[in-house]
């Protein structure tokens, strides 16, 4: 895939870009509580978009509770809670699929790489092995800025799913399962606190050194083969991770 085609795919639906731009304007204080947004016609001119696209963007903002739309009054900014977080609550592999279905993955780049050093250890493969790396940003509908920067690694054998990544709100491991008939039997996850380097800071709109939460997930099939590694960096002020732990029914037996 060329850089041009990858870049075109990252744009996604036009209404989404308008939503983020208006959310950024509101967060920056350009529009305060009770202020009226520009008219649909003005927004069409500003974003060079159709009236249908602008109306969809405004509808999304209304559903999120960001604006109220009143006949004859236009779109008015409503109060919002300060510093919203995206809450990720997972208690099973199926929960990972729900996480993917409620957020949007926007692909930045796709490239075939030869891994070595620490990365080969992360992928549990011999040095000089070929993998496909997908860099992406994940967005939640209620936040203007991304909630996550992700590096995804998948084996070249699963390259046919690449064109679908980011096009639908489906977990990548689920795409692999559906397309190739493999079963993800186990997910190994580790979490650590870190500081944003220049790359993460630039991607996520942070200051260098800002706290981030690194979540790594390795997906294994029922034969123990690693089919995917995801390395996710979450800004501390936009993300909260919740986990439910349950005791097995027979664990209390005397």
C-alpha atoms as a PDB file:
ATOM      1  CA  UNK A   1       0.000   0.000   0.000  1.00  0.00           C
ATOM      2  CA  UNK A   2       1.411   3.432  -0.933  1.00  0.00           C
ATOM      3  CA  UNK A   3       1.745   6.269   1.547  1.00  0.00           C
ATOM      4  CA  UNK A   4      -0.755   8.278  -0.467  1.00  0.00           C
ATOM      5  CA  UNK A   5      -3.411   5.586  -0.283  1.00  0.00           C
ATOM      6  CA  UNK A   6      -2.744   5.036   3.432  1.00  0.00           C
ATOM      7  CA  UNK A   7      -3.040   8.765   4.043  1.00  0.00           C
ATOM      8  CA  UNK A   8      -6.317   8.909   2.167  1.00  0.00           C
ATOM      9  CA  UNK A   9      -7.742   6.142   4.337  1.00  0.00           C
ATOM     10  CA  UNK A  10      -6.809   7.952   7.568  1.00  0.00           C
ATOM     11  CA  UNK A  11      -9.179  10.777   6.703  1.00  0.00           C
ATOM     12  CA  UNK A  12     -12.216   8.535   7.178  1.00  0.00           C
ATOM     13  CA  UNK A  13     -15.686   9.996   6.839  1.00  0.00           C
ATOM     14  CA  UNK A  14     -15.593  13.759   6.431  1.00  0.00           C
ATOM     15  CA  UNK A  15     -18.063  14.369   9.245  1.00  0.00           C
ATOM     16  CA  UNK A  16     -15.583  12.850  11.723  1.00  0.00           C
ATOM     17  CA  UNK A  17     -12.932  15.453  10.859  1.00  0.00           C
ATOM     18  CA  UNK A  18     -15.505  18.213  11.322  1.00  0.00           C
ATOM     19  CA  UNK A  19     -16.521  16.799  14.712  1.00  0.00           C
ATOM     20  CA  UNK A  20     -12.913  16.768  15.896  1.00  0.00           C
ATOM     21  CA  UNK A  21     -12.237  20.269  14.599  1.00  0.00           C
ATOM     22  CA  UNK A  22     -15.280  21.685  16.381  1.00  0.00           C
ATOM     23  CA  UNK A  23     -14.444  19.782  19.569  1.00  0.00           C
ATOM     24  CA  UNK A  24     -10.943  21.256  19.429  1.00  0.00           C
ATOM     25  CA  UNK A  25     -12.425  24.741  19.006  1.00  0.00           C
ATOM     26  CA  UNK A  26     -14.693  24.210  22.027  1.00  0.00           C
ATOM     27  CA  UNK A  27     -11.900  22.749  24.172  1.00  0.00           C
ATOM     28  CA  UNK A  28      -9.664  25.683  23.215  1.00  0.00           C
ATOM     29  CA  UNK A  29     -12.327  28.127  24.404  1.00  0.00           C
ATOM     30  CA  UNK A  30     -13.259  29.544  21.014  1.00  0.00           C
ATOM     31  CA  UNK A  31     -16.864  28.662  21.843  1.00  0.00           C
ATOM     32  CA  UNK A  32     -18.016  28.714  25.459  1.00  0.00           C
ATOM     33  CA  UNK A  33     -21.137  27.401  27.157  1.00  0.00           C
ATOM     34  CA  UNK A  34     -24.174  28.990  25.572  1.00  0.00           C
ATOM     35  CA  UNK A  35     -22.283  30.243  22.509  1.00  0.00           C
ATOM     36  CA  UNK A  36     -23.759  29.576  19.110  1.00  0.00           C
ATOM     37  CA  UNK A  37     -21.737  27.664  16.536  1.00  0.00           C
ATOM     38  CA  UNK A  38     -21.527  28.963  12.968  1.00  0.00           C
ATOM     39  CA  UNK A  39     -24.511  28.203  10.773  1.00  0.00           C
ATOM     40  CA  UNK A  40     -24.665  25.111   8.583  1.00  0.00           C
ATOM     41  CA  UNK A  41     -23.922  27.249   5.529  1.00  0.00           C
ATOM     42  CA  UNK A  42     -20.877  28.799   7.210  1.00  0.00           C
ATOM     43  CA  UNK A  43     -19.594  25.380   8.245  1.00  0.00           C
ATOM     44  CA  UNK A  44     -20.076  24.081   4.698  1.00  0.00           C
ATOM     45  CA  UNK A  45     -17.879  26.920   3.431  1.00  0.00           C
ATOM     46  CA  UNK A  46     -15.292  26.493   6.168  1.00  0.00           C
ATOM     47  CA  UNK A  47     -14.839  22.752   5.667  1.00  0.00           C
ATOM     48  CA  UNK A  48     -15.665  22.651   1.958  1.00  0.00           C
ATOM     49  CA  UNK A  49     -18.269  20.016   2.806  1.00  0.00           C
ATOM     50  CA  UNK A  50     -21.818  19.253   1.778  1.00  0.00           C
ATOM     51  CA  UNK A  51     -24.765  20.235   3.937  1.00  0.00           C
ATOM     52  CA  UNK A  52     -25.460  16.536   4.551  1.00  0.00           C
ATOM     53  CA  UNK A  53     -21.926  16.023   5.932  1.00  0.00           C
ATOM     54  CA  UNK A  54     -22.175  19.084   8.174  1.00  0.00           C
ATOM     55  CA  UNK A  55     -25.580  18.009   9.497  1.00  0.00           C
ATOM     56  CA  UNK A  56     -24.198  14.570  10.339  1.00  0.00           C
ATOM     57  CA  UNK A  57     -21.301  16.155  12.239  1.00  0.00           C
ATOM     58  CA  UNK A  58     -23.703  18.366  14.197  1.00  0.00           C
ATOM     59  CA  UNK A  59     -25.940  15.395  14.890  1.00  0.00           C
ATOM     60  CA  UNK A  60     -22.982  13.501  16.337  1.00  0.00           C
ATOM     61  CA  UNK A  61     -22.109  16.443  18.578  1.00  0.00           C
ATOM     62  CA  UNK A  62     -25.715  16.618  19.733  1.00  0.00           C
ATOM     63  CA  UNK A  63     -25.780  12.889  20.567  1.00  0.00           C
ATOM     64  CA  UNK A  64     -22.579  13.348  22.590  1.00  0.00           C
ATOM     65  CA  UNK A  65     -24.227  16.153  24.566  1.00  0.00           C
ATOM     66  CA  UNK A  66     -21.784  18.771  23.317  1.00  0.00           C
ATOM     67  CA  UNK A  67     -24.378  20.976  21.636  1.00  0.00           C
ATOM     68  CA  UNK A  68     -28.114  21.536  21.664  1.00  0.00           C
ATOM     69  CA  UNK A  69     -29.906  22.205  18.382  1.00  0.00           C
ATOM     70  CA  UNK A  70     -33.008  24.347  18.517  1.00  0.00           C
ATOM     71  CA  UNK A  71     -35.278  25.401  15.688  1.00  0.00           C
ATOM     72  CA  UNK A  72     -34.476  29.001  14.818  1.00  0.00           C
ATOM     73  CA  UNK A  73     -31.553  29.202  17.253  1.00  0.00           C
ATOM     74  CA  UNK A  74     -28.968  27.040  15.519  1.00  0.00           C
ATOM     75  CA  UNK A  75     -26.454  24.923  17.439  1.00  0.00           C
ATOM     76  CA  UNK A  76     -25.589  26.067  20.959  1.00  0.00           C
ATOM     77  CA  UNK A  77     -22.705  24.739  23.088  1.00  0.00           C
ATOM     78  CA  UNK A  78     -23.868  23.006  26.268  1.00  0.00           C
ATOM     79  CA  UNK A  79     -21.882  22.476  29.505  1.00  0.00           C
ATOM     80  CA  UNK A  80     -19.638  19.420  29.518  1.00  0.00           C
ATOM     81  CA  UNK A  81     -17.822  17.667  32.357  1.00  0.00           C
ATOM     82  CA  UNK A  82     -14.202  18.733  32.668  1.00  0.00           C
ATOM     83  CA  UNK A  83     -11.361  16.457  31.541  1.00  0.00           C
ATOM     84  CA  UNK A  84     -13.392  13.528  30.178  1.00  0.00           C
ATOM     85  CA  UNK A  85     -11.835  10.062  30.163  1.00  0.00           C
ATOM     86  CA  UNK A  86     -12.415   7.060  27.997  1.00  0.00           C
ATOM     87  CA  UNK A  87     -13.018   4.077  30.281  1.00  0.00           C
ATOM     88  CA  UNK A  88     -11.894   0.681  28.995  1.00  0.00           C
ATOM     89  CA  UNK A  89     -13.534  -2.115  30.980  1.00  0.00           C
ATOM     90  CA  UNK A  90     -12.506  -5.634  29.963  1.00  0.00           C
ATOM     91  CA  UNK A  91     -13.174  -9.010  31.527  1.00  0.00           C
ATOM     92  CA  UNK A  92     -12.769 -11.343  28.529  1.00  0.00           C
ATOM     93  CA  UNK A  93     -11.452 -11.599  24.969  1.00  0.00           C
ATOM     94  CA  UNK A  94     -14.932 -10.618  23.804  1.00  0.00           C
ATOM     95  CA  UNK A  95     -14.479  -7.384  25.743  1.00  0.00           C
ATOM     96  CA  UNK A  96     -11.591  -6.498  23.460  1.00  0.00           C
ATOM     97  CA  UNK A  97     -13.936  -6.827  20.512  1.00  0.00           C
ATOM     98  CA  UNK A  98     -16.410  -4.458  22.153  1.00  0.00           C
ATOM     99  CA  UNK A  99     -13.609  -1.948  22.754  1.00  0.00           C
ATOM    100  CA  UNK A 100     -12.795  -2.029  19.049  1.00  0.00           C
ATOM    101  CA  UNK A 101     -16.450  -1.641  18.074  1.00  0.00           C
ATOM    102  CA  UNK A 102     -16.976   1.499  20.204  1.00  0.00           C
ATOM    103  CA  UNK A 103     -13.868   3.379  19.021  1.00  0.00           C
ATOM    104  CA  UNK A 104     -12.357   4.270  15.654  1.00  0.00           C
ATOM    105  CA  UNK A 105      -8.906   3.132  14.518  1.00  0.00           C
ATOM    106  CA  UNK A 106      -7.365   5.544  12.009  1.00  0.00           C
ATOM    107  CA  UNK A 107      -4.392   4.103  10.146  1.00  0.00           C
ATOM    108  CA  UNK A 108      -1.310   6.320   9.781  1.00  0.00           C
ATOM    109  CA  UNK A 109       1.054   3.984   7.964  1.00  0.00           C
ATOM    110  CA  UNK A 110       1.497   0.365   6.912  1.00  0.00           C
ATOM    111  CA  UNK A 111       4.888  -1.163   6.191  1.00  0.00           C
ATOM    112  CA  UNK A 112       6.630  -4.502   5.976  1.00  0.00           C
ATOM    113  CA  UNK A 113       9.603  -4.621   8.339  1.00  0.00           C
ATOM    114  CA  UNK A 114      12.423  -6.950   9.335  1.00  0.00           C
ATOM    115  CA  UNK A 115      12.496  -7.215  13.121  1.00  0.00           C
ATOM    116  CA  UNK A 116      15.562  -7.506  15.292  1.00  0.00           C
ATOM    117  CA  UNK A 117      16.778  -6.881  18.812  1.00  0.00           C
ATOM    118  CA  UNK A 118      14.190  -6.100  21.476  1.00  0.00           C
ATOM    119  CA  UNK A 119      11.312  -6.179  18.995  1.00  0.00           C
ATOM    120  CA  UNK A 120      12.125  -9.762  17.983  1.00  0.00           C
ATOM    121  CA  UNK A 121      11.948 -10.659  21.680  1.00  0.00           C
ATOM    122  CA  UNK A 122       8.576  -8.933  21.972  1.00  0.00           C
ATOM    123  CA  UNK A 123       7.342 -10.907  18.968  1.00  0.00           C
ATOM    124  CA  UNK A 124       9.001 -14.098  20.201  1.00  0.00           C
ATOM    125  CA  UNK A 125      10.509 -14.737  16.797  1.00  0.00           C
ATOM    126  CA  UNK A 126      14.022 -15.142  15.392  1.00  0.00           C
ATOM    127  CA  UNK A 127      15.871 -11.952  14.370  1.00  0.00           C
ATOM    128  CA  UNK A 128      15.489 -10.962  10.718  1.00  0.00           C
ATOM    129  CA  UNK A 129      11.882 -12.242  10.643  1.00  0.00           C
ATOM    130  CA  UNK A 130       9.425 -10.334   8.442  1.00  0.00           C
ATOM    131  CA  UNK A 131       6.335  -8.746  10.011  1.00  0.00           C
ATOM    132  CA  UNK A 132       3.820  -6.113   9.013  1.00  0.00           C
ATOM    133  CA  UNK A 133       3.599  -3.019  11.200  1.00  0.00           C
ATOM    134  CA  UNK A 134       0.539  -0.776  11.239  1.00  0.00           C
ATOM    135  CA  UNK A 135       0.777   2.570  13.031  1.00  0.00           C
ATOM    136  CA  UNK A 136      -2.603   4.020  13.996  1.00  0.00           C
ATOM    137  CA  UNK A 137      -4.457   6.400  16.274  1.00  0.00           C
ATOM    138  CA  UNK A 138      -7.593   5.332  18.105  1.00  0.00           C
ATOM    139  CA  UNK A 139     -10.380   7.838  18.709  1.00  0.00           C
ATOM    140  CA  UNK A 140     -13.435   7.845  20.943  1.00  0.00           C
ATOM    141  CA  UNK A 141     -16.487   9.731  19.721  1.00  0.00           C
ATOM    142  CA  UNK A 142     -16.690  11.923  22.830  1.00  0.00           C
ATOM    143  CA  UNK A 143     -13.079  13.174  22.763  1.00  0.00           C
ATOM    144  CA  UNK A 144     -11.431  15.503  20.268  1.00  0.00           C
ATOM    145  CA  UNK A 145      -7.938  14.103  20.775  1.00  0.00           C
ATOM    146  CA  UNK A 146      -6.942  10.462  20.278  1.00  0.00           C
ATOM    147  CA  UNK A 147      -7.125   8.110  23.260  1.00  0.00           C
ATOM    148  CA  UNK A 148      -4.345   5.874  22.015  1.00  0.00           C
ATOM    149  CA  UNK A 149      -1.388   5.540  19.666  1.00  0.00           C
ATOM    150  CA  UNK A 150      -0.965   1.951  18.503  1.00  0.00           C
ATOM    151  CA  UNK A 151       1.708  -0.073  16.786  1.00  0.00           C
ATOM    152  CA  UNK A 152       0.168  -3.315  15.490  1.00  0.00           C
ATOM    153  CA  UNK A 153       2.301  -6.211  14.319  1.00  0.00           C
ATOM    154  CA  UNK A 154       0.824  -9.072  12.324  1.00  0.00           C
ATOM    155  CA  UNK A 155       2.487 -11.923  10.472  1.00  0.00           C
ATOM    156  CA  UNK A 156       2.752 -11.573   6.650  1.00  0.00           C
ATOM    157  CA  UNK A 157       0.594 -14.699   6.335  1.00  0.00           C
ATOM    158  CA  UNK A 158      -2.371 -12.565   7.412  1.00  0.00           C
ATOM    159  CA  UNK A 159      -1.715  -9.695   4.996  1.00  0.00           C
ATOM    160  CA  UNK A 160      -5.124  -9.998   3.315  1.00  0.00           C
ATOM    161  CA  UNK A 161      -6.857  -8.318   6.276  1.00  0.00           C
ATOM    162  CA  UNK A 162      -4.775  -5.144   6.013  1.00  0.00           C
ATOM    163  CA  UNK A 163      -7.148  -3.381   3.625  1.00  0.00           C
ATOM    164  CA  UNK A 164      -9.987  -3.795   6.137  1.00  0.00           C
ATOM    165  CA  UNK A 165      -8.152  -2.356   9.152  1.00  0.00           C
ATOM    166  CA  UNK A 166      -9.682   0.971  10.066  1.00  0.00           C
ATOM    167  CA  UNK A 167     -12.464   0.612   7.523  1.00  0.00           C
ATOM    168  CA  UNK A 168     -14.776  -1.117  10.000  1.00  0.00           C
ATOM    169  CA  UNK A 169     -14.999  -1.061  13.774  1.00  0.00           C
ATOM    170  CA  UNK A 170     -13.834  -4.635  14.155  1.00  0.00           C
ATOM    171  CA  UNK A 171     -10.889  -5.884  16.220  1.00  0.00           C
ATOM    172  CA  UNK A 172      -7.932  -6.920  14.074  1.00  0.00           C
ATOM    173  CA  UNK A 173      -7.686 -10.315  15.754  1.00  0.00           C
ATOM    174  CA  UNK A 174     -11.378 -10.877  14.933  1.00  0.00           C
ATOM    175  CA  UNK A 175     -10.682 -10.047  11.274  1.00  0.00           C
ATOM    176  CA  UNK A 176      -7.906 -12.644  11.251  1.00  0.00           C
ATOM    177  CA  UNK A 177     -10.179 -15.225  12.867  1.00  0.00           C
ATOM    178  CA  UNK A 178     -12.969 -14.624  10.368  1.00  0.00           C
ATOM    179  CA  UNK A 179     -10.736 -14.510   7.288  1.00  0.00           C
ATOM    180  CA  UNK A 180      -8.366 -17.361   8.048  1.00  0.00           C
ATOM    181  CA  UNK A 181     -10.423 -19.620  10.300  1.00  0.00           C
ATOM    182  CA  UNK A 182      -7.977 -19.448  13.226  1.00  0.00           C
ATOM    183  CA  UNK A 183      -9.124 -19.138  16.841  1.00  0.00           C
ATOM    184  CA  UNK A 184      -7.626 -16.738  19.360  1.00  0.00           C
ATOM    185  CA  UNK A 185      -7.362 -18.896  22.432  1.00  0.00           C
ATOM    186  CA  UNK A 186      -5.314 -16.683  24.728  1.00  0.00           C
ATOM    187  CA  UNK A 187      -4.373 -13.026  25.116  1.00  0.00           C
ATOM    188  CA  UNK A 188      -1.317 -12.154  27.197  1.00  0.00           C
ATOM    189  CA  UNK A 189      -1.449  -8.570  28.431  1.00  0.00           C
ATOM    190  CA  UNK A 190       1.050  -6.454  30.316  1.00  0.00           C
ATOM    191  CA  UNK A 191       0.678  -2.857  31.459  1.00  0.00           C
ATOM    192  CA  UNK A 192       3.312  -0.346  32.508  1.00  0.00           C
ATOM    193  CA  UNK A 193       3.590   3.365  33.197  1.00  0.00           C
ATOM    194  CA  UNK A 194       5.943   5.375  30.994  1.00  0.00           C
ATOM    195  CA  UNK A 195       6.732   8.880  29.797  1.00  0.00           C
ATOM    196  CA  UNK A 196       5.879  10.116  26.327  1.00  0.00           C
ATOM    197  CA  UNK A 197       8.828  10.383  23.981  1.00  0.00           C
ATOM    198  CA  UNK A 198       8.849  12.873  21.113  1.00  0.00           C
ATOM    199  CA  UNK A 199       6.987  10.518  18.763  1.00  0.00           C
ATOM    200  CA  UNK A 200       4.185   9.785  21.244  1.00  0.00           C
ATOM    201  CA  UNK A 201       3.976  13.415  22.307  1.00  0.00           C
ATOM    202  CA  UNK A 202       3.572  14.524  18.696  1.00  0.00           C
ATOM    203  CA  UNK A 203       1.006  11.848  17.843  1.00  0.00           C
ATOM    204  CA  UNK A 204      -1.103  12.301  20.982  1.00  0.00           C
ATOM    205  CA  UNK A 205      -0.828  16.066  21.470  1.00  0.00           C
ATOM    206  CA  UNK A 206       1.161  15.772  24.702  1.00  0.00           C
ATOM    207  CA  UNK A 207       4.255  17.346  26.196  1.00  0.00           C
ATOM    208  CA  UNK A 208       7.413  15.269  26.055  1.00  0.00           C
ATOM    209  CA  UNK A 209       7.659  13.405  29.352  1.00  0.00           C
ATOM    210  CA  UNK A 210       3.900  13.393  29.985  1.00  0.00           C
ATOM    211  CA  UNK A 211       2.638  10.220  31.701  1.00  0.00           C
ATOM    212  CA  UNK A 212       1.267   7.486  29.457  1.00  0.00           C
ATOM    213  CA  UNK A 213      -0.014   3.980  30.064  1.00  0.00           C
ATOM    214  CA  UNK A 214       1.521   1.326  27.806  1.00  0.00           C
ATOM    215  CA  UNK A 215      -0.703  -1.711  27.233  1.00  0.00           C
ATOM    216  CA  UNK A 216       0.794  -4.604  25.260  1.00  0.00           C
ATOM    217  CA  UNK A 217      -1.349  -7.495  24.104  1.00  0.00           C
ATOM    218  CA  UNK A 218      -0.162 -10.682  22.438  1.00  0.00           C
ATOM    219  CA  UNK A 219      -2.798 -12.812  20.725  1.00  0.00           C
ATOM    220  CA  UNK A 220      -2.174 -16.566  20.478  1.00  0.00           C
ATOM    221  CA  UNK A 221      -4.095 -19.160  18.502  1.00  0.00           C
ATOM    222  CA  UNK A 222      -5.064 -22.575  19.884  1.00  0.00           C
ATOM    223  CA  UNK A 223      -1.689 -23.995  18.774  1.00  0.00           C
ATOM    224  CA  UNK A 224       0.210 -21.357  20.744  1.00  0.00           C
ATOM    225  CA  UNK A 225       1.277 -19.335  17.697  1.00  0.00           C
ATOM    226  CA  UNK A 226       1.496 -15.551  18.054  1.00  0.00           C
ATOM    227  CA  UNK A 227      -0.778 -13.994  15.432  1.00  0.00           C
ATOM    228  CA  UNK A 228      -0.788 -10.370  16.571  1.00  0.00           C
ATOM    229  CA  UNK A 229       1.021  -7.996  18.916  1.00  0.00           C
ATOM    230  CA  UNK A 230      -0.484  -4.617  19.766  1.00  0.00           C
ATOM    231  CA  UNK A 231       1.460  -1.951  21.646  1.00  0.00           C
ATOM    232  CA  UNK A 232      -0.903   0.790  22.827  1.00  0.00           C
ATOM    233  CA  UNK A 233       0.100   4.090  24.423  1.00  0.00           C
ATOM    234  CA  UNK A 234      -2.692   5.882  26.309  1.00  0.00           C
ATOM    235  CA  UNK A 235      -2.453   9.448  27.664  1.00  0.00           C
ATOM    236  CA  UNK A 236      -2.983   9.351  31.426  1.00  0.00           C
ATOM    237  CA  UNK A 237      -5.505  12.211  31.391  1.00  0.00           C
ATOM    238  CA  UNK A 238      -7.782  10.635  28.740  1.00  0.00           C
ATOM    239  CA  UNK A 239      -7.915   6.977  29.646  1.00  0.00           C
ATOM    240  CA  UNK A 240      -8.876   4.765  32.556  1.00  0.00           C
ATOM    241  CA  UNK A 241      -8.546   0.999  32.528  1.00  0.00           C
ATOM    242  CA  UNK A 242     -10.992  -1.163  34.457  1.00  0.00           C
ATOM    243  CA  UNK A 243     -10.685  -4.902  34.963  1.00  0.00           C
ATOM    244  CA  UNK A 244     -13.175  -7.325  36.482  1.00  0.00           C
ATOM    245  CA  UNK A 245     -11.786 -10.375  38.278  1.00  0.00           C
ATOM    246  CA  UNK A 246     -14.081 -13.238  39.200  1.00  0.00           C
ATOM    247  CA  UNK A 247     -13.437 -16.202  41.460  1.00  0.00           C
ATOM    248  CA  UNK A 248     -14.146 -19.630  39.984  1.00  0.00           C
ATOM    249  CA  UNK A 249     -17.122 -21.367  41.523  1.00  0.00           C
ATOM    250  CA  UNK A 250     -15.020 -24.266  42.836  1.00  0.00           C
ATOM    251  CA  UNK A 251     -12.272 -22.097  44.351  1.00  0.00           C
ATOM    252  CA  UNK A 252     -13.968 -21.908  47.746  1.00  0.00           C
ATOM    253  CA  UNK A 253     -14.503 -25.640  48.040  1.00  0.00           C
ATOM    254  CA  UNK A 254     -12.890 -27.062  51.212  1.00  0.00           C
END
